[in-house]
């Protein structure tokens, strides 16, 4: 996962020191990335089961509504964290 490195590299390239604000941005970006993965799993689960049966099962299998709920919750954390920066 390159999300933390991308944020830190961007901060360094623009001359910003790695401080609490940059680390908060890293945390928010990671939450948004994880949320997109969870939401993608919930939306594509039935298609993936047919088209790519060899694809590994998500680490936390469960009913699609539960996976979507976890994704939305993680998305909110990322957005709230970004908003507080």
Protein backbone atom coordinates (compact mmCIF):
# COMPACT_ATOMS: atom_id res chain seq x y z
CA UNK A 1 0.00 0.00 0.00
CA UNK A 2 1.60 3.22 -1.14
CA UNK A 3 -0.89 5.66 0.41
CA UNK A 4 1.25 6.72 3.41
CA UNK A 5 4.35 7.07 1.24
CA UNK A 6 2.48 9.15 -1.32
CA UNK A 7 1.33 11.64 1.31
CA UNK A 8 4.78 11.90 2.92
CA UNK A 9 6.49 12.22 -0.48
CA UNK A 10 4.03 14.96 -1.45
CA UNK A 11 4.74 16.84 1.77
CA UNK A 12 8.49 16.52 1.27
CA UNK A 13 8.26 17.60 -2.37
CA UNK A 14 6.46 20.79 -1.36
CA UNK A 15 8.89 21.57 1.43
CA UNK A 16 6.65 20.64 4.36
CA UNK A 17 8.08 18.88 7.39
CA UNK A 18 6.53 15.61 8.51
CA UNK A 19 4.51 16.86 11.46
CA UNK A 20 1.23 16.03 13.17
CA UNK A 21 -0.79 17.53 10.32
CA UNK A 22 0.95 15.40 7.70
CA UNK A 23 0.56 12.28 9.85
CA UNK A 24 -3.13 13.09 10.31
CA UNK A 25 -3.43 13.35 6.54
CA UNK A 26 -1.76 9.94 6.26
CA UNK A 27 -4.33 8.46 8.66
CA UNK A 28 -7.23 10.01 6.78
CA UNK A 29 -5.90 8.84 3.41
CA UNK A 30 -5.47 5.29 4.70
CA UNK A 31 -9.05 5.24 6.05
CA UNK A 32 -10.40 6.46 2.71
CA UNK A 33 -8.33 3.84 0.85
CA UNK A 34 -9.56 1.02 3.11
CA UNK A 35 -13.13 2.25 2.80
CA UNK A 36 -12.95 2.17 -0.99
CA UNK A 37 -11.64 -1.39 -0.85
CA UNK A 38 -14.45 -2.51 1.50
CA UNK A 39 -17.13 -0.82 -0.56
CA UNK A 40 -15.70 -2.32 -3.76
CA UNK A 41 -15.86 -5.76 -2.17
CA UNK A 42 -19.49 -5.31 -1.20
CA UNK A 43 -20.53 -4.03 -4.62
CA UNK A 44 -18.54 -6.52 -6.73
CA UNK A 45 -18.92 -9.67 -4.62
CA UNK A 46 -21.47 -11.41 -6.82
CA UNK A 47 -19.71 -10.47 -10.06
CA UNK A 48 -16.32 -11.54 -8.69
CA UNK A 49 -17.70 -14.89 -7.56
CA UNK A 50 -18.71 -15.66 -11.15
CA UNK A 51 -16.00 -13.95 -13.19
CA UNK A 52 -13.01 -14.49 -10.89
CA UNK A 53 -13.62 -17.49 -8.63
CA UNK A 54 -9.87 -17.83 -8.00
CA UNK A 55 -9.80 -14.39 -6.35
CA UNK A 56 -9.09 -14.61 -2.61
CA UNK A 57 -11.92 -14.07 -0.17
CA UNK A 58 -11.77 -10.79 1.79
CA UNK A 59 -10.09 -10.98 5.18
CA UNK A 60 -13.38 -10.30 6.94
CA UNK A 61 -16.05 -12.16 5.03
CA UNK A 62 -19.60 -11.52 5.98
CA UNK A 63 -22.93 -10.56 4.56
CA UNK A 64 -22.73 -7.81 1.95
CA UNK A 65 -24.63 -5.27 4.10
CA UNK A 66 -22.08 -5.74 6.91
CA UNK A 67 -19.15 -5.23 4.53
CA UNK A 68 -20.78 -2.10 3.11
CA UNK A 69 -21.49 -0.77 6.61
CA UNK A 70 -17.84 -1.27 7.62
CA UNK A 71 -16.75 0.53 4.47
CA UNK A 72 -19.03 3.51 5.10
CA UNK A 73 -17.89 3.72 8.74
CA UNK A 74 -14.22 3.74 7.69
CA UNK A 75 -15.01 6.32 5.01
CA UNK A 76 -16.58 8.62 7.62
CA UNK A 77 -13.49 8.30 9.82
CA UNK A 78 -11.28 9.31 6.92
CA UNK A 79 -13.45 12.27 5.98
CA UNK A 80 -13.79 13.48 9.56
CA UNK A 81 -10.04 13.18 10.06
CA UNK A 82 -9.34 15.13 6.88
CA UNK A 83 -11.82 17.81 7.89
CA UNK A 84 -10.13 18.34 11.24
CA UNK A 85 -6.75 19.09 9.64
